[in-house]
């Protein structure tokens, strides 16, 4: 008996159990790591090269929207969190594939009737094994369900990556708008300051009353207030852009932000509306995730149906009783008399129906979102084209006034008034451009495919295969 117990103890010792290693969380250390992030990280350079962005010099001095998007995908805390969920789902596949362990129990028994008490101990020692066997392919069903749930988490990782991209683009647009608006108001302040000096000179010479001078001064002060507000918004937009990329604001101090990606907006006629909508209804990341979760709900229903069939337990045993070796073999199976797992089966059916309803509702929502976004974009492009044509005419008018001023036909005040009108037209054109870019962003979010590249070319949405492989295996934030 001692030999068998020693053998069992040895098996437990060499079984390869995992040891616990503490990993304390130090807030000060993580804060230092976040604050020390910069754009000259060697890991970031490798990440950019993997995705086809190979700068001629490092660290790069000029960063455009595409570069900053990759920076965000490299540094984003949201992606790091979602990767942990995906890793958890992958571990769930291992858990689903585990076979149930056998169990071992020991027992003692006292025999109250002893034939020869002076020679034989009244105590009996024994042990029992319980060997469970799953039936109806339950282990395979669990594995398939876990794989579908892991696939859903993989698509959710892609969804998170797309959300990161959208946030960077949205805040990049806000920062570009802040820069352009500040420049526009600086130009207006300069023009109004010149106008004020002209009215001051005319007032001192007695040509006009003080009302003209006061009105010009008030207009100048209003423009300066608007300029101060624009500078404040530009600074806030810069901080928000740095936050969207996963960097501290100081990391952007020594770099130049290139705005070339959003200087123009493509014509709505170039966007392949039918193929865009079809691709979104099939390949959008949240739709693919919902489809995977529906498949997992089907496997869950299969598992509950398989649970109608009870598992089998075999129980070989051994006992040593008064010098005799006694062997036993038991067979046990739960009896499905009081219930046949009807409750869990009904719940699993309801979950499958719910997953189906959520999937169809999501498809309908996506279809409406695309149609609405495309309609908004068409309207925004019409406004953008109108302001662009108006800007061209206003520039031509400004040149004409400039020639007439040089020829002495108009005075400097007329020239400055024309410049003010041009500044206002530029501001309207800027607002129309930003609105077109925002509606384009909404359309891209609706189809979850980049429609316009950094070169301004319109992309035709591709089919998604092996979604976000580089994201699931990419660098982790430091």
Protein backbone atom coordinates (compact mmCIF):
# COMPACT_ATOMS: atom_id res chain seq x y z
CA UNK A 1 0.00 0.00 0.00
CA UNK A 2 2.83 2.40 0.84
CA UNK A 3 4.38 1.73 -2.55
CA UNK A 4 1.22 2.79 -4.36
CA UNK A 5 0.92 5.98 -2.28
CA UNK A 6 4.56 6.88 -2.96
CA UNK A 7 4.01 6.39 -6.69
CA UNK A 8 1.00 8.70 -6.67
CA UNK A 9 2.90 11.37 -4.74
CA UNK A 10 5.75 11.15 -7.25
CA UNK A 11 3.35 11.68 -10.15
CA UNK A 12 2.05 14.86 -8.54
CA UNK A 13 5.59 16.17 -8.02
CA UNK A 14 6.70 15.68 -11.63
CA UNK A 15 3.40 16.76 -13.19
CA UNK A 16 4.78 20.09 -14.46
CA UNK A 17 2.64 22.47 -12.39
CA UNK A 18 2.96 26.17 -13.12
CA UNK A 19 4.57 28.32 -10.44
CA UNK A 20 3.23 31.72 -9.44
CA UNK A 21 5.44 34.73 -10.16
CA UNK A 22 4.21 38.04 -8.71
CA UNK A 23 4.05 41.03 -11.03
CA UNK A 24 3.36 44.11 -8.91
CA UNK A 25 1.75 47.15 -10.51
CA UNK A 26 3.70 50.34 -9.76
CA UNK A 27 1.74 53.49 -10.72
CA UNK A 28 4.85 55.67 -10.62
CA UNK A 29 6.72 53.42 -13.02
CA UNK A 30 3.84 53.23 -15.50
CA UNK A 31 3.39 57.01 -15.34
CA UNK A 32 7.09 57.53 -16.11
CA UNK A 33 6.82 55.14 -19.04
CA UNK A 34 3.83 57.02 -20.48
CA UNK A 35 5.45 60.43 -20.05
CA UNK A 36 8.71 59.29 -21.70
CA UNK A 37 7.10 58.22 -24.99
CA UNK A 38 8.59 59.97 -28.01
CA UNK A 39 8.51 59.76 -31.80
CA UNK A 40 12.11 58.53 -32.02
CA UNK A 41 11.32 55.11 -30.51
CA UNK A 42 13.25 52.40 -32.45
CA UNK A 43 10.30 50.05 -32.07
CA UNK A 44 8.05 52.65 -33.69
CA UNK A 45 10.47 52.95 -36.60
CA UNK A 46 10.31 49.18 -37.14
CA UNK A 47 6.51 49.27 -36.89
CA UNK A 48 6.33 52.00 -39.54
CA UNK A 49 8.66 50.01 -41.82
CA UNK A 50 6.50 46.90 -41.45
CA UNK A 51 3.52 48.92 -42.68
CA UNK A 52 5.33 50.40 -45.66
CA UNK A 53 6.33 53.76 -44.17
CA UNK A 54 10.12 53.99 -44.41
CA UNK A 55 11.31 57.53 -43.59
CA UNK A 56 14.50 58.81 -45.26
CA UNK A 57 15.76 60.14 -41.94
CA UNK A 58 15.08 59.26 -38.34
CA UNK A 59 13.55 60.65 -36.33
CA UNK A 60 11.21 62.05 -38.94
CA UNK A 61 10.68 65.81 -38.93
CA UNK A 62 7.36 65.92 -40.79
CA UNK A 63 4.43 63.69 -39.84
CA UNK A 64 1.21 63.43 -41.85
CA UNK A 65 -2.12 61.84 -41.00
CA UNK A 66 -1.06 58.37 -42.19
CA UNK A 67 2.10 58.48 -40.04
CA UNK A 68 0.24 59.64 -36.94
CA UNK A 69 -2.37 56.92 -37.45
CA UNK A 70 0.37 54.29 -37.35
CA UNK A 71 1.82 55.93 -34.25
CA UNK A 72 -1.58 55.59 -32.58
CA UNK A 73 -1.87 51.93 -33.58
CA UNK A 74 1.56 51.36 -32.04
CA UNK A 75 1.03 53.31 -28.81
CA UNK A 76 -2.71 53.11 -28.19
CA UNK A 77 -3.68 51.93 -24.68
CA UNK A 78 -7.12 50.95 -26.04
CA UNK A 79 -5.54 48.46 -28.42
CA UNK A 80 -3.40 47.06 -25.63
CA UNK A 81 -6.52 46.50 -23.52
CA UNK A 82 -8.34 44.80 -26.40
CA UNK A 83 -5.35 42.55 -27.08
CA UNK A 84 -5.67 41.25 -23.52
CA UNK A 85 -9.30 40.31 -24.24
CA UNK A 86 -8.20 38.49 -27.37
CA UNK A 87 -5.44 36.69 -25.46
CA UNK A 88 -8.07 35.72 -22.90
CA UNK A 89 -10.29 34.27 -25.62
CA UNK A 90 -7.35 32.28 -27.03
CA UNK A 91 -6.71 30.87 -23.56
CA UNK A 92 -10.39 29.95 -23.49
CA UNK A 93 -9.77 27.58 -26.42
CA UNK A 94 -7.24 25.73 -24.26
CA UNK A 95 -9.74 25.59 -21.41
CA UNK A 96 -12.47 24.27 -23.70
CA UNK A 97 -10.18 21.50 -24.96
CA UNK A 98 -9.22 20.22 -21.54
CA UNK A 99 -10.39 16.73 -20.73
CA UNK A 100 -11.84 16.16 -17.26
CA UNK A 101 -9.26 14.89 -14.77
CA UNK A 102 -9.77 11.58 -13.00
CA UNK A 103 -10.16 11.76 -9.24
CA UNK A 104 -8.62 9.60 -6.54
CA UNK A 105 -10.11 9.08 -3.10
CA UNK A 106 -8.89 7.10 -0.09
CA UNK A 107 -11.02 5.47 2.54
CA UNK A 108 -10.74 3.46 5.76
CA UNK A 109 -13.25 1.05 7.20
CA UNK A 110 -13.58 -0.70 10.54
CA UNK A 111 -14.66 -4.34 10.51
CA UNK A 112 -16.51 -4.88 13.80
CA UNK A 113 -16.46 -8.67 13.34
CA UNK A 114 -12.89 -9.95 13.53
CA UNK A 115 -12.17 -13.65 13.48
CA UNK A 116 -8.65 -13.52 14.91
CA UNK A 117 -8.15 -10.17 16.63
CA UNK A 118 -4.72 -11.09 17.96
CA UNK A 119 -3.37 -11.62 14.41
CA UNK A 120 -5.42 -9.39 12.09
CA UNK A 121 -6.13 -5.62 12.20
CA UNK A 122 -9.84 -4.73 12.14
CA UNK A 123 -9.11 -1.75 9.86
CA UNK A 124 -9.44 -1.91 6.07
CA UNK A 125 -7.64 0.58 3.78
CA UNK A 126 -8.57 1.33 0.21
CA UNK A 127 -8.67 3.79 -2.66
CA UNK A 128 -11.10 4.55 -5.47
CA UNK A 129 -10.56 6.05 -8.92
CA UNK A 130 -13.19 8.01 -10.82
CA UNK A 131 -12.53 8.12 -14.59
CA UNK A 132 -15.02 10.45 -16.34
CA UNK A 133 -15.78 10.00 -20.05
CA UNK A 134 -17.59 12.75 -21.97
CA UNK A 135 -20.17 11.61 -24.49
CA UNK A 136 -21.83 13.08 -27.60
CA UNK A 137 -18.72 14.98 -28.74
CA UNK A 138 -19.05 17.68 -26.06
CA UNK A 139 -15.35 18.51 -26.00
CA UNK A 140 -15.24 19.16 -29.75
CA UNK A 141 -18.33 21.38 -29.53
CA UNK A 142 -16.77 23.40 -26.70
CA UNK A 143 -13.61 23.91 -28.74
CA UNK A 144 -15.56 25.14 -31.77
CA UNK A 145 -17.57 27.54 -29.60
CA UNK A 146 -14.40 28.90 -27.98
CA UNK A 147 -12.80 29.38 -31.41
CA UNK A 148 -15.79 31.35 -32.66
CA UNK A 149 -15.72 33.55 -29.56
CA UNK A 150 -11.98 34.09 -30.10
CA UNK A 151 -12.68 35.03 -33.71
CA UNK A 152 -15.26 37.54 -32.48
CA UNK A 153 -12.68 39.09 -30.16
CA UNK A 154 -10.27 39.28 -33.07
CA UNK A 155 -12.80 41.29 -35.05
CA UNK A 156 -13.41 43.45 -31.99
CA UNK A 157 -9.67 44.12 -31.93
CA UNK A 158 -9.99 45.30 -35.52
CA UNK A 159 -12.97 47.43 -34.52
CA UNK A 160 -10.88 49.01 -31.76
CA UNK A 161 -8.10 49.71 -34.26
CA UNK A 162 -10.60 51.38 -36.57
CA UNK A 163 -11.90 53.49 -33.67
CA UNK A 164 -8.33 54.55 -32.93
CA UNK A 165 -7.86 55.54 -36.58
CA UNK A 166 -11.12 57.51 -36.61
CA UNK A 167 -10.22 59.33 -33.41
CA UNK A 168 -6.82 60.33 -34.80
CA UNK A 169 -8.37 61.56 -38.06
CA UNK A 170 -11.08 63.50 -36.25
CA UNK A 171 -8.62 65.25 -33.97
CA UNK A 172 -6.17 65.77 -36.81
CA UNK A 173 -8.93 67.60 -38.69
CA UNK A 174 -9.67 69.69 -35.61
CA UNK A 175 -5.99 70.60 -35.31
CA UNK A 176 -5.70 71.50 -39.00
CA UNK A 177 -8.86 73.60 -38.70
CA UNK A 178 -7.32 75.34 -35.68
CA UNK A 179 -4.11 76.12 -37.57
CA UNK A 180 -5.89 77.39 -40.68
CA UNK A 181 -8.41 79.42 -38.68
CA UNK A 182 -5.63 81.04 -36.66
CA UNK A 183 -3.76 81.95 -39.85
CA UNK A 184 -6.94 83.35 -41.38
CA UNK A 185 -7.70 85.51 -38.33
CA UNK A 186 -4.09 86.72 -38.15
CA UNK A 187 -4.48 87.91 -41.72
CA UNK A 188 -7.78 89.60 -40.84
CA UNK A 189 -6.22 91.35 -37.83
CA UNK A 190 -3.41 92.68 -40.00
CA UNK A 191 -5.85 94.01 -42.61
CA UNK A 192 -8.13 95.59 -40.01
CA UNK A 193 -5.15 97.21 -38.31
CA UNK A 194 -4.23 98.87 -41.62
CA UNK A 195 -7.85 99.97 -42.09
CA UNK A 196 -7.86 101.48 -38.59
CA UNK A 197 -4.68 103.46 -39.32
CA UNK A 198 -6.28 104.87 -42.50
CA UNK A 199 -9.40 105.99 -40.62
CA UNK A 200 -7.24 107.48 -37.85
CA UNK A 201 -5.31 109.51 -40.40
CA UNK A 202 -8.52 110.71 -42.06
CA UNK A 203 -10.05 111.57 -38.70
CA UNK A 204 -6.99 113.61 -37.69
CA UNK A 205 -7.13 115.44 -41.02
CA UNK A 206 -10.83 116.15 -40.46
CA UNK A 207 -12.08 114.15 -43.44
CA UNK A 208 -14.36 111.86 -41.38
CA UNK A 209 -16.01 111.82 -37.97
CA UNK A 210 -14.85 109.74 -34.99
CA UNK A 211 -17.57 107.20 -35.69
CA UNK A 212 -15.58 105.66 -38.53
CA UNK A 213 -12.48 105.36 -36.38
CA UNK A 214 -14.42 103.86 -33.45
CA UNK A 215 -16.17 101.38 -35.73
CA UNK A 216 -12.84 100.25 -37.23
CA UNK A 217 -11.32 99.92 -33.75
CA UNK A 218 -14.25 97.79 -32.54
CA UNK A 219 -13.93 95.55 -35.60
CA UNK A 220 -10.22 95.15 -34.90
CA UNK A 221 -10.80 94.25 -31.25
CA UNK A 222 -13.42 91.69 -32.23
CA UNK A 223 -10.98 90.14 -34.69
CA UNK A 224 -8.29 90.02 -31.97
CA UNK A 225 -10.70 88.33 -29.56
CA UNK A 226 -11.56 85.76 -32.23
CA UNK A 227 -7.83 85.26 -32.86
CA UNK A 228 -7.15 84.63 -29.14
CA UNK A 229 -10.01 82.13 -29.04
CA UNK A 230 -8.69 80.40 -32.18
CA UNK A 231 -5.20 80.11 -30.67
CA UNK A 232 -6.67 78.58 -27.54
CA UNK A 233 -8.65 76.07 -29.61
CA UNK A 234 -5.56 75.27 -31.68
CA UNK A 235 -3.54 74.53 -28.53
CA UNK A 236 -6.32 72.33 -27.13
CA UNK A 237 -6.62 70.51 -30.46
CA UNK A 238 -2.87 69.84 -30.42
CA UNK A 239 -3.10 68.27 -26.96
CA UNK A 240 -6.11 66.19 -28.07
CA UNK A 241 -4.22 65.00 -31.15
CA UNK A 242 -1.25 63.93 -29.04
CA UNK A 243 -3.61 62.09 -26.70
CA UNK A 244 -5.22 60.30 -29.65
CA UNK A 245 -1.81 59.05 -30.80
CA UNK A 246 -0.96 57.77 -27.32
CA UNK A 247 1.82 60.34 -26.81
CA UNK A 248 2.36 63.21 -24.37
CA UNK A 249 1.88 66.65 -25.92
CA UNK A 250 5.57 67.49 -25.64
CA UNK A 251 6.38 64.68 -28.09
CA UNK A 252 4.95 66.85 -30.89
CA UNK A 253 7.00 69.94 -30.01
CA UNK A 254 9.94 69.23 -32.31
CA UNK A 255 8.01 67.93 -35.34
CA UNK A 256 6.04 69.53 -38.15
CA UNK A 257 2.50 68.33 -38.84
CA UNK A 258 1.82 68.00 -42.56
CA UNK A 259 -1.74 68.86 -43.57
CA UNK A 260 -1.50 67.66 -47.19
CA UNK A 261 -3.75 64.66 -46.55
CA UNK A 262 -6.81 66.83 -45.96
CA UNK A 263 -6.25 69.78 -48.29
CA UNK A 264 -8.73 68.47 -50.87
CA UNK A 265 -11.91 66.38 -50.89
CA UNK A 266 -12.69 63.85 -53.64
CA UNK A 267 -15.76 64.18 -55.79
CA UNK A 268 -18.74 62.15 -54.61
CA UNK A 269 -19.04 60.72 -58.14
CA UNK A 270 -15.70 58.92 -57.66
CA UNK A 271 -16.98 56.96 -54.66
CA UNK A 272 -18.33 53.55 -55.74
CA UNK A 273 -21.58 53.73 -53.80
CA UNK A 274 -23.03 50.24 -54.61
CA UNK A 275 -19.76 48.41 -53.97
CA UNK A 276 -19.13 50.50 -50.84
CA UNK A 277 -22.51 49.58 -49.38
CA UNK A 278 -22.22 45.91 -50.32
CA UNK A 279 -18.73 45.64 -48.85
CA UNK A 280 -19.89 47.23 -45.60
CA UNK A 281 -22.92 44.95 -45.22
CA UNK A 282 -20.64 41.92 -45.49
CA UNK A 283 -17.18 42.95 -44.34
CA UNK A 284 -17.70 45.61 -41.69
CA UNK A 285 -15.82 44.63 -38.55
CA UNK A 286 -18.77 44.75 -36.17
CA UNK A 287 -20.84 42.73 -38.66
CA UNK A 288 -18.10 40.11 -38.85
CA UNK A 289 -17.97 40.08 -35.06
CA UNK A 290 -21.75 39.65 -34.79
CA UNK A 291 -21.59 36.84 -37.35
CA UNK A 292 -18.90 35.06 -35.30
CA UNK A 293 -20.95 35.46 -32.12
CA UNK A 294 -23.99 33.99 -33.89
CA UNK A 295 -21.88 30.98 -34.91
CA UNK A 296 -20.75 30.66 -31.28
CA UNK A 297 -24.39 30.72 -30.14
CA UNK A 298 -25.11 27.82 -32.49
CA UNK A 299 -22.27 25.82 -30.97
CA UNK A 300 -23.57 26.69 -27.50
CA UNK A 301 -26.96 25.28 -28.49
CA UNK A 302 -25.30 22.14 -29.82
CA UNK A 303 -23.50 21.75 -26.50
CA UNK A 304 -26.69 22.03 -24.46
CA UNK A 305 -28.37 19.48 -26.72
CA UNK A 306 -25.38 17.18 -26.24
CA UNK A 307 -25.67 17.66 -22.48
CA UNK A 308 -28.94 15.70 -22.66
CA UNK A 309 -26.76 12.63 -22.89
CA UNK A 310 -25.10 11.94 -19.53
CA UNK A 311 -21.39 11.42 -19.10
CA UNK A 312 -20.08 8.05 -17.99
CA UNK A 313 -17.95 7.47 -14.90
CA UNK A 314 -15.83 4.37 -14.39
CA UNK A 315 -14.58 3.68 -10.87
CA UNK A 316 -11.89 1.06 -10.42
CA UNK A 317 -10.97 0.59 -6.77
CA UNK A 318 -8.72 -1.33 -4.42
CA UNK A 319 -8.95 -2.26 -0.72
CA UNK A 320 -6.70 -4.12 1.71
CA UNK A 321 -8.87 -5.87 4.30
CA UNK A 322 -7.49 -8.24 6.94
CA UNK A 323 -4.67 -9.42 4.72
CA UNK A 324 -6.86 -9.76 1.61
CA UNK A 325 -6.47 -7.70 -1.62
CA UNK A 326 -9.89 -6.67 -2.85
CA UNK A 327 -10.49 -5.17 -6.34
CA UNK A 328 -13.65 -3.43 -7.51
CA UNK A 329 -15.02 -1.81 -10.66
CA UNK A 330 -17.99 0.55 -10.59
CA UNK A 331 -19.99 2.15 -13.39
CA UNK A 332 -22.12 5.25 -12.82
CA UNK A 333 -24.22 7.47 -15.03
CA UNK A 334 -26.68 10.25 -14.09
CA UNK A 335 -30.27 9.31 -14.80
CA UNK A 336 -32.10 11.98 -16.87
CA UNK A 337 -35.40 11.33 -15.14
CA UNK A 338 -36.39 14.63 -13.54
CA UNK A 339 -35.14 16.78 -16.43
CA UNK A 340 -33.58 16.34 -19.84
CA UNK A 341 -31.72 19.70 -19.80
CA UNK A 342 -34.77 21.47 -21.24
CA UNK A 343 -34.05 24.76 -19.46
CA UNK A 344 -30.49 25.32 -20.71
CA UNK A 345 -31.55 24.20 -24.21
CA UNK A 346 -34.37 26.75 -24.25
CA UNK A 347 -31.96 29.47 -23.05
CA UNK A 348 -29.44 28.56 -25.74
CA UNK A 349 -32.14 28.68 -28.42
CA UNK A 350 -33.24 32.10 -27.17
CA UNK A 351 -29.62 33.35 -27.26
CA UNK A 352 -29.24 32.12 -30.83
CA UNK A 353 -32.46 33.91 -31.83
CA UNK A 354 -31.22 37.02 -30.05
CA UNK A 355 -27.87 36.86 -31.89
CA UNK A 356 -29.73 36.55 -35.19
CA UNK A 357 -31.93 39.54 -34.37
CA UNK A 358 -28.93 41.64 -33.34
CA UNK A 359 -27.13 40.74 -36.56
CA UNK A 360 -30.02 41.71 -38.84
CA UNK A 361 -30.66 44.91 -36.87
CA UNK A 362 -26.99 45.82 -37.20
CA UNK A 363 -27.05 45.24 -40.96
CA UNK A 364 -30.12 47.46 -41.30
CA UNK A 365 -28.48 50.15 -39.18
CA UNK A 366 -25.31 50.02 -41.29
CA UNK A 367 -27.30 50.29 -44.51
CA UNK A 368 -29.08 53.42 -43.26
CA UNK A 369 -25.85 54.89 -41.91
CA UNK A 370 -24.14 54.51 -45.29
CA UNK A 371 -27.01 56.06 -47.24
CA UNK A 372 -27.24 58.99 -44.81
CA UNK A 373 -23.46 59.56 -44.78
CA UNK A 374 -23.28 59.45 -48.57
CA UNK A 375 -26.13 61.97 -48.85
CA UNK A 376 -24.39 64.30 -46.39
CA UNK A 377 -21.14 63.95 -48.28
CA UNK A 378 -22.74 64.81 -51.62
CA UNK A 379 -24.22 67.95 -50.07
CA UNK A 380 -20.94 68.88 -48.42
CA UNK A 381 -19.05 68.44 -51.71
CA UNK A 382 -21.50 70.74 -53.49
CA UNK A 383 -20.93 73.42 -50.84
CA UNK A 384 -17.16 72.88 -51.05
CA UNK A 385 -17.15 73.25 -54.83
CA UNK A 386 -19.27 76.39 -54.58
CA UNK A 387 -16.92 78.03 -52.08
CA UNK A 388 -13.91 76.97 -54.14
CA UNK A 389 -15.34 78.62 -57.25
CA UNK A 390 -16.23 81.68 -55.20
CA UNK A 391 -12.67 81.79 -53.87
CA UNK A 392 -11.26 81.66 -57.40
CA UNK A 393 -13.50 84.57 -58.46
CA UNK A 394 -12.65 86.53 -55.32
CA UNK A 395 -8.91 86.10 -55.94
CA UNK A 396 -9.43 87.34 -59.50
CA UNK A 397 -11.38 90.31 -58.13
CA UNK A 398 -8.57 91.00 -55.66
CA UNK A 399 -6.01 91.05 -58.46
CA UNK A 400 -8.20 93.39 -60.47
CA UNK A 401 -8.53 95.78 -57.51
CA UNK A 402 -4.77 95.59 -57.03
CA UNK A 403 -4.17 96.64 -60.63
CA UNK A 404 -6.69 99.48 -60.32
CA UNK A 405 -4.96 100.60 -57.11
CA UNK A 406 -1.59 100.67 -58.84
CA UNK A 407 -3.16 102.70 -61.64
CA UNK A 408 -4.64 105.13 -59.12
CA UNK A 409 -8.28 104.39 -59.88
CA UNK A 410 -9.13 103.26 -56.30
CA UNK A 411 -7.67 104.16 -52.92
CA UNK A 412 -5.95 101.89 -50.38
CA UNK A 413 -9.12 101.53 -48.34
CA UNK A 414 -10.90 99.90 -51.28
CA UNK A 415 -7.93 97.56 -51.68
CA UNK A 416 -8.07 96.59 -47.98
CA UNK A 417 -11.84 96.08 -48.14
CA UNK A 418 -11.29 93.67 -51.03
CA UNK A 419 -8.67 91.87 -48.93
CA UNK A 420 -11.17 91.55 -46.08
CA UNK A 421 -13.71 90.01 -48.41
CA UNK A 422 -11.03 87.59 -49.63
CA UNK A 423 -10.16 86.65 -46.03
CA UNK A 424 -13.83 85.98 -45.29
CA UNK A 425 -14.14 83.90 -48.47
CA UNK A 426 -11.09 81.86 -47.47
CA UNK A 427 -12.69 81.23 -44.09
CA UNK A 428 -15.91 80.04 -45.73
CA UNK A 429 -13.92 77.80 -48.04
CA UNK A 430 -11.98 76.40 -45.07
CA UNK A 431 -15.23 75.67 -43.21
CA UNK A 432 -16.65 73.92 -46.29
CA UNK A 433 -13.46 71.86 -46.71
CA UNK A 434 -13.48 70.75 -43.07
CA UNK A 435 -17.18 69.90 -43.28
CA UNK A 436 -16.54 67.81 -46.41
CA UNK A 437 -13.68 66.03 -44.64
CA UNK A 438 -15.88 65.36 -41.59
CA UNK A 439 -18.68 63.92 -43.72
CA UNK A 440 -16.08 61.82 -45.58
CA UNK A 441 -14.91 60.59 -42.18
CA UNK A 442 -18.50 59.64 -41.31
CA UNK A 443 -18.80 57.76 -44.59
CA UNK A 444 -15.55 55.91 -43.95
CA UNK A 445 -16.78 55.04 -40.44
CA UNK A 446 -19.99 53.72 -41.98
CA UNK A 447 -18.16 51.34 -44.32
CA UNK A 448 -15.07 50.92 -42.08
CA UNK A 449 -12.76 51.05 -45.08
CA UNK A 450 -10.34 53.91 -45.96
CA UNK A 451 -11.86 55.44 -49.09
CA UNK A 452 -9.12 58.01 -49.76
CA UNK A 453 -5.38 57.45 -49.45
CA UNK A 454 -2.66 59.93 -48.57
CA UNK A 455 -2.21 60.71 -52.27
CA UNK A 456 -5.87 61.71 -52.60
CA UNK A 457 -6.76 58.68 -54.73
CA UNK A 458 -10.08 57.01 -54.07
CA UNK A 459 -9.77 53.39 -52.95
CA UNK A 460 -12.18 50.64 -53.88
CA UNK A 461 -13.04 48.72 -50.70
CA UNK A 462 -11.24 45.36 -50.58
CA UNK A 463 -12.53 42.16 -49.07
CA UNK A 464 -11.23 41.56 -45.56
CA UNK A 465 -9.14 38.44 -45.11
CA UNK A 466 -6.94 37.58 -42.13
CA UNK A 467 -8.16 40.70 -40.44
CA UNK A 468 -5.64 42.74 -38.48
CA UNK A 469 -2.93 40.08 -38.26
CA UNK A 470 -0.32 42.75 -37.60
CA UNK A 471 -2.49 44.25 -34.85
CA UNK A 472 -2.95 41.02 -32.96
CA UNK A 473 0.76 40.21 -33.08
CA UNK A 474 2.13 43.74 -33.21
CA UNK A 475 4.23 45.63 -30.66
CA UNK A 476 2.77 46.21 -27.21
CA UNK A 477 2.88 49.60 -25.54
CA UNK A 478 5.86 49.97 -23.29
